[in-house]
Amino acid sequence: MTEVKIRKGESVDRALRRLKKKLDKEGIMREIRTHRYFEKPSERRRRKEARARIRARSTAL
């Protein structure tokens, strides 16, 4: 579980920003968004193939 402790003299907004950066770095927010709704296996496969095509195009250049 991701945890951020508030440092002495640190504002809550600053600690919240650190927490968001940490969650983004670990990919937790992306995973939560993908699991928010049910995705059919065919849609998941199509999305992964499209991502692979984009990745292949960028490495070929």
PDB file of N, CA and C in Angstrom:
ATOM      1  N   MET A   1       0.840  -1.181   0.000  1.00  0.00           N
ATOM      2  CA  MET A   1       0.000   0.000   0.000  1.00  0.00           C
ATOM      3  C   MET A   1       0.883   1.241   0.000  1.00  0.00           C
ATOM      4  N   THR A   2       0.542   2.167  -0.853  1.00  0.00           N
ATOM      5  CA  THR A   2       1.320   3.387  -0.976  1.00  0.00           C
ATOM      6  C   THR A   2       1.010   4.320   0.181  1.00  0.00           C
ATOM      7  N   GLU A   3       2.068   4.887   0.733  1.00  0.00           N
ATOM      8  CA  GLU A   3       1.900   5.724   1.914  1.00  0.00           C
ATOM      9  C   GLU A   3       2.808   6.938   1.810  1.00  0.00           C
ATOM     10  N   VAL A   4       2.293   8.090   2.216  1.00  0.00           N
ATOM     11  CA  VAL A   4       3.079   9.315   2.255  1.00  0.00           C
ATOM     12  C   VAL A   4       2.862   9.943   3.614  1.00  0.00           C
ATOM     13  N   LYS A   5       3.954  10.157   4.327  1.00  0.00           N
ATOM     14  CA  LYS A   5       3.857  10.791   5.645  1.00  0.00           C
ATOM     15  C   LYS A   5       4.132  12.276   5.487  1.00  0.00           C
ATOM     16  N   ILE A   6       3.345  13.072   6.192  1.00  0.00           N
ATOM     17  CA  ILE A   6       3.501  14.515   6.129  1.00  0.00           C
ATOM     18  C   ILE A   6       4.744  14.899   6.926  1.00  0.00           C
ATOM     19  N   ARG A   7       5.624  15.622   6.270  1.00  0.00           N
ATOM     20  CA  ARG A   7       6.852  16.060   6.912  1.00  0.00           C
ATOM     21  C   ARG A   7       6.564  17.263   7.803  1.00  0.00           C
ATOM     22  N   LYS A   8       7.484  17.501   8.715  1.00  0.00           N
ATOM     23  CA  LYS A   8       7.306  18.629   9.636  1.00  0.00           C
ATOM     24  C   LYS A   8       7.300  19.934   8.857  1.00  0.00           C
ATOM     25  N   GLY A   9       6.255  20.721   9.025  1.00  0.00           N
ATOM     26  CA  GLY A   9       6.140  22.007   8.351  1.00  0.00           C
ATOM     27  C   GLY A   9       5.624  21.919   6.921  1.00  0.00           C
ATOM     28  N   GLU A  10       5.255  20.716   6.479  1.00  0.00           N
ATOM     29  CA  GLU A  10       4.770  20.533   5.113  1.00  0.00           C
ATOM     30  C   GLU A  10       3.251  20.679   5.074  1.00  0.00           C
ATOM     31  N   SER A  11       2.750  21.340   4.043  1.00  0.00           N
ATOM     32  CA  SER A  11       1.310  21.505   3.930  1.00  0.00           C
ATOM     33  C   SER A  11       0.682  20.203   3.412  1.00  0.00           C
ATOM     34  N   VAL A  12      -0.596  20.063   3.652  1.00  0.00           N
ATOM     35  CA  VAL A  12      -1.325  18.883   3.211  1.00  0.00           C
ATOM     36  C   VAL A  12      -1.378  18.840   1.686  1.00  0.00           C
ATOM     37  N   ASP A  13      -1.500  20.007   1.063  1.00  0.00           N
ATOM     38  CA  ASP A  13      -1.533  20.068  -0.402  1.00  0.00           C
ATOM     39  C   ASP A  13      -0.240  19.522  -1.003  1.00  0.00           C
ATOM     40  N   ARG A  14       0.868  19.855  -0.392  1.00  0.00           N
ATOM     41  CA  ARG A  14       2.177  19.393  -0.876  1.00  0.00           C
ATOM     42  C   ARG A  14       2.289  17.873  -0.725  1.00  0.00           C
ATOM     43  N   ALA A  15       1.820  17.357   0.410  1.00  0.00           N
ATOM     44  CA  ALA A  15       1.866  15.911   0.645  1.00  0.00           C
ATOM     45  C   ALA A  15       0.943  15.185  -0.329  1.00  0.00           C
ATOM     46  N   LEU A  16      -0.205  15.772  -0.613  1.00  0.00           N
ATOM     47  CA  LEU A  16      -1.139  15.188  -1.570  1.00  0.00           C
ATOM     48  C   LEU A  16      -0.521  15.145  -2.963  1.00  0.00           C
ATOM     49  N   ARG A  17       0.211  16.186  -3.329  1.00  0.00           N
ATOM     50  CA  ARG A  17       0.898  16.218  -4.616  1.00  0.00           C
ATOM     51  C   ARG A  17       1.946  15.101  -4.693  1.00  0.00           C
ATOM     52  N   ARG A  18       2.682  14.896  -3.584  1.00  0.00           N
ATOM     53  CA  ARG A  18       3.671  13.809  -3.550  1.00  0.00           C
ATOM     54  C   ARG A  18       2.999  12.453  -3.700  1.00  0.00           C
ATOM     55  N   LEU A  19       1.842  12.284  -3.033  1.00  0.00           N
ATOM     56  CA  LEU A  19       1.108  11.023  -3.123  1.00  0.00           C
ATOM     57  C   LEU A  19       0.649  10.768  -4.553  1.00  0.00           C
ATOM     58  N   LYS A  20       0.115  11.787  -5.210  1.00  0.00           N
ATOM     59  CA  LYS A  20      -0.351  11.642  -6.593  1.00  0.00           C
ATOM     60  C   LYS A  20       0.791  11.271  -7.524  1.00  0.00           C
ATOM     61  N   LYS A  21       1.956  11.892  -7.338  1.00  0.00           N
ATOM     62  CA  LYS A  21       3.114  11.568  -8.166  1.00  0.00           C
ATOM     63  C   LYS A  21       3.548  10.123  -7.949  1.00  0.00           C
ATOM     64  N   LYS A  22       3.507   9.699  -6.699  1.00  0.00           N
ATOM     65  CA  LYS A  22       3.906   8.329  -6.366  1.00  0.00           C
ATOM     66  C   LYS A  22       2.948   7.318  -6.998  1.00  0.00           C
ATOM     67  N   LEU A  23       1.648   7.585  -6.905  1.00  0.00           N
ATOM     68  CA  LEU A  23       0.650   6.693  -7.495  1.00  0.00           C
ATOM     69  C   LEU A  23       0.782   6.650  -9.012  1.00  0.00           C
ATOM     70  N   ASP A  24       1.059   7.798  -9.607  1.00  0.00           N
ATOM     71  CA  ASP A  24       1.220   7.865 -11.057  1.00  0.00           C
ATOM     72  C   ASP A  24       2.458   7.087 -11.500  1.00  0.00           C
ATOM     73  N   LYS A  25       3.520   7.203 -10.743  1.00  0.00           N
ATOM     74  CA  LYS A  25       4.761   6.509 -11.065  1.00  0.00           C
ATOM     75  C   LYS A  25       4.580   4.991 -10.985  1.00  0.00           C
ATOM     76  N   GLU A  26       3.806   4.532 -10.024  1.00  0.00           N
ATOM     77  CA  GLU A  26       3.562   3.102  -9.849  1.00  0.00           C
ATOM     78  C   GLU A  26       2.501   2.570 -10.804  1.00  0.00           C
ATOM     79  N   GLY A  27       1.754   3.464 -11.452  1.00  0.00           N
ATOM     80  CA  GLY A  27       0.741   3.049 -12.419  1.00  0.00           C
ATOM     81  C   GLY A  27      -0.568   2.623 -11.788  1.00  0.00           C
ATOM     82  N   ILE A  28      -0.773   2.964 -10.546  1.00  0.00           N
ATOM     83  CA  ILE A  28      -1.986   2.546  -9.828  1.00  0.00           C
ATOM     84  C   ILE A  28      -3.220   3.248 -10.373  1.00  0.00           C
ATOM     85  N   MET A  29      -3.107   4.549 -10.634  1.00  0.00           N
ATOM     86  CA  MET A  29      -4.272   5.293 -11.124  1.00  0.00           C
ATOM     87  C   MET A  29      -4.703   4.804 -12.502  1.00  0.00           C
ATOM     88  N   ARG A  30      -3.721   4.476 -13.359  1.00  0.00           N
ATOM     89  CA  ARG A  30      -4.042   3.955 -14.686  1.00  0.00           C
ATOM     90  C   ARG A  30      -4.788   2.621 -14.552  1.00  0.00           C
ATOM     91  N   GLU A  31      -4.334   1.793 -13.633  1.00  0.00           N
ATOM     92  CA  GLU A  31      -4.969   0.492 -13.431  1.00  0.00           C
ATOM     93  C   GLU A  31      -6.396   0.649 -12.896  1.00  0.00           C
ATOM     94  N   ILE A  32      -6.592   1.591 -12.007  1.00  0.00           N
ATOM     95  CA  ILE A  32      -7.931   1.838 -11.461  1.00  0.00           C
ATOM     96  C   ILE A  32      -8.876   2.284 -12.571  1.00  0.00           C
ATOM     97  N   ARG A  33      -8.374   3.176 -13.448  1.00  0.00           N
ATOM     98  CA  ARG A  33      -9.213   3.661 -14.545  1.00  0.00           C
ATOM     99  C   ARG A  33      -9.582   2.539 -15.512  1.00  0.00           C
ATOM    100  N   THR A  34      -8.645   1.628 -15.764  1.00  0.00           N
ATOM    101  CA  THR A  34      -8.946   0.542 -16.701  1.00  0.00           C
ATOM    102  C   THR A  34      -9.923  -0.455 -16.098  1.00  0.00           C
ATOM    103  N   HIS A  35      -9.923  -0.598 -14.780  1.00  0.00           N
ATOM    104  CA  HIS A  35     -10.834  -1.550 -14.138  1.00  0.00           C
ATOM    105  C   HIS A  35     -12.162  -0.914 -13.716  1.00  0.00           C
ATOM    106  N   ARG A  36     -12.339   0.349 -14.033  1.00  0.00           N
ATOM    107  CA  ARG A  36     -13.565   1.037 -13.634  1.00  0.00           C
ATOM    108  C   ARG A  36     -14.791   0.424 -14.311  1.00  0.00           C
ATOM    109  N   TYR A  37     -14.637   0.043 -15.588  1.00  0.00           N
ATOM    110  CA  TYR A  37     -15.733  -0.556 -16.336  1.00  0.00           C
ATOM    111  C   TYR A  37     -15.267  -1.885 -16.903  1.00  0.00           C
ATOM    112  N   PHE A  38     -16.229  -2.758 -17.152  1.00  0.00           N
ATOM    113  CA  PHE A  38     -15.897  -4.050 -17.750  1.00  0.00           C
ATOM    114  C   PHE A  38     -15.469  -3.834 -19.191  1.00  0.00           C
ATOM    115  N   GLU A  39     -14.415  -4.520 -19.568  1.00  0.00           N
ATOM    116  CA  GLU A  39     -13.922  -4.433 -20.933  1.00  0.00           C
ATOM    117  C   GLU A  39     -13.943  -5.836 -21.529  1.00  0.00           C
ATOM    118  N   LYS A  40     -14.576  -5.954 -22.676  1.00  0.00           N
ATOM    119  CA  LYS A  40     -14.648  -7.261 -23.323  1.00  0.00           C
ATOM    120  C   LYS A  40     -13.240  -7.702 -23.725  1.00  0.00           C
ATOM    121  N   PRO A  41     -12.987  -9.013 -23.708  1.00  0.00           N
ATOM    122  CA  PRO A  41     -11.660  -9.507 -24.096  1.00  0.00           C
ATOM    123  C   PRO A  41     -11.246  -9.066 -25.493  1.00  0.00           C
ATOM    124  N   SER A  42     -12.199  -8.985 -26.417  1.00  0.00           N
ATOM    125  CA  SER A  42     -11.855  -8.550 -27.778  1.00  0.00           C
ATOM    126  C   SER A  42     -11.419  -7.080 -27.788  1.00  0.00           C
ATOM    127  N   GLU A  43     -12.074  -6.245 -26.973  1.00  0.00           N
ATOM    128  CA  GLU A  43     -11.692  -4.837 -26.891  1.00  0.00           C
ATOM    129  C   GLU A  43     -10.312  -4.687 -26.263  1.00  0.00           C
ATOM    130  N   ARG A  44     -10.050  -5.478 -25.242  1.00  0.00           N
ATOM    131  CA  ARG A  44      -8.743  -5.438 -24.577  1.00  0.00           C
ATOM    132  C   ARG A  44      -7.644  -5.836 -25.562  1.00  0.00           C
ATOM    133  N   ARG A  45      -7.909  -6.886 -26.340  1.00  0.00           N
ATOM    134  CA  ARG A  45      -6.944  -7.361 -27.326  1.00  0.00           C
ATOM    135  C   ARG A  45      -6.698  -6.290 -28.395  1.00  0.00           C
ATOM    136  N   ARG A  46      -7.770  -5.647 -28.856  1.00  0.00           N
ATOM    137  CA  ARG A  46      -7.659  -4.598 -29.873  1.00  0.00           C
ATOM    138  C   ARG A  46      -6.842  -3.414 -29.342  1.00  0.00           C
ATOM    139  N   ARG A  47      -7.075  -3.043 -28.093  1.00  0.00           N
ATOM    140  CA  ARG A  47      -6.349  -1.928 -27.488  1.00  0.00           C
ATOM    141  C   ARG A  47      -4.863  -2.260 -27.346  1.00  0.00           C
ATOM    142  N   LYS A  48      -4.555  -3.483 -26.928  1.00  0.00           N
ATOM    143  CA  LYS A  48      -3.162  -3.888 -26.773  1.00  0.00           C
ATOM    144  C   LYS A  48      -2.448  -3.952 -28.119  1.00  0.00           C
ATOM    145  N   GLU A  49      -3.131  -4.439 -29.146  1.00  0.00           N
ATOM    146  CA  GLU A  49      -2.525  -4.508 -30.476  1.00  0.00           C
ATOM    147  C   GLU A  49      -2.269  -3.105 -31.026  1.00  0.00           C
ATOM    148  N   ALA A  50      -3.194  -2.180 -30.784  1.00  0.00           N
ATOM    149  CA  ALA A  50      -3.009  -0.807 -31.253  1.00  0.00           C
ATOM    150  C   ALA A  50      -1.817  -0.171 -30.548  1.00  0.00           C
ATOM    151  N   ARG A  51      -1.680  -0.413 -29.248  1.00  0.00           N
ATOM    152  CA  ARG A  51      -0.548   0.126 -28.501  1.00  0.00           C
ATOM    153  C   ARG A  51       0.763  -0.463 -29.016  1.00  0.00           C
ATOM    154  N   ALA A  52       0.751  -1.766 -29.358  1.00  0.00           N
ATOM    155  CA  ALA A  52       1.948  -2.424 -29.891  1.00  0.00           C
ATOM    156  C   ALA A  52       2.318  -1.850 -31.261  1.00  0.00           C
ATOM    157  N   ARG A  53       1.313  -1.543 -32.096  1.00  0.00           N
ATOM    158  CA  ARG A  53       1.592  -0.948 -33.404  1.00  0.00           C
ATOM    159  C   ARG A  53       2.253   0.426 -33.242  1.00  0.00           C
ATOM    160  N   ILE A  54       1.735   1.229 -32.332  1.00  0.00           N
ATOM    161  CA  ILE A  54       2.301   2.558 -32.103  1.00  0.00           C
ATOM    162  C   ILE A  54       3.735   2.436 -31.592  1.00  0.00           C
ATOM    163  N   ARG A  55       3.948   1.510 -30.675  1.00  0.00           N
ATOM    164  CA  ARG A  55       5.298   1.292 -30.135  1.00  0.00           C
ATOM    165  C   ARG A  55       6.257   0.834 -31.220  1.00  0.00           C
ATOM    166  N   ALA A  56       5.793  -0.065 -32.107  1.00  0.00           N
ATOM    167  CA  ALA A  56       6.639  -0.580 -33.187  1.00  0.00           C
ATOM    168  C   ALA A  56       6.986   0.521 -34.173  1.00  0.00           C
ATOM    169  N   ARG A  57       6.008   1.390 -34.455  1.00  0.00           N
ATOM    170  CA  ARG A  57       6.250   2.507 -35.363  1.00  0.00           C
ATOM    171  C   ARG A  57       7.287   3.465 -34.807  1.00  0.00           C
ATOM    172  N   SER A  58       7.203   3.726 -33.503  1.00  0.00           N
ATOM    173  CA  SER A  58       8.142   4.685 -32.904  1.00  0.00           C
ATOM    174  C   SER A  58       9.558   4.111 -32.821  1.00  0.00           C
ATOM    175  N   THR A  59       9.702   2.804 -32.646  1.00  0.00           N
ATOM    176  CA  THR A  59      11.046   2.216 -32.598  1.00  0.00           C
ATOM    177  C   THR A  59      11.639   2.065 -33.996  1.00  0.00           C
ATOM    178  N   ALA A  60      10.788   1.936 -35.027  1.00  0.00           N
ATOM    179  CA  ALA A  60      11.271   1.776 -36.395  1.00  0.00           C
ATOM    180  C   ALA A  60      11.862   3.081 -36.932  1.00  0.00           C
ATOM    181  N   LEU A  61      11.391   4.212 -36.418  1.00  0.00           N
ATOM    182  CA  LEU A  61      11.883   5.507 -36.910  1.00  0.00           C
ATOM    183  C   LEU A  61      13.160   5.892 -36.281  1.00  0.00           C
TER     184      LEU A  61
END
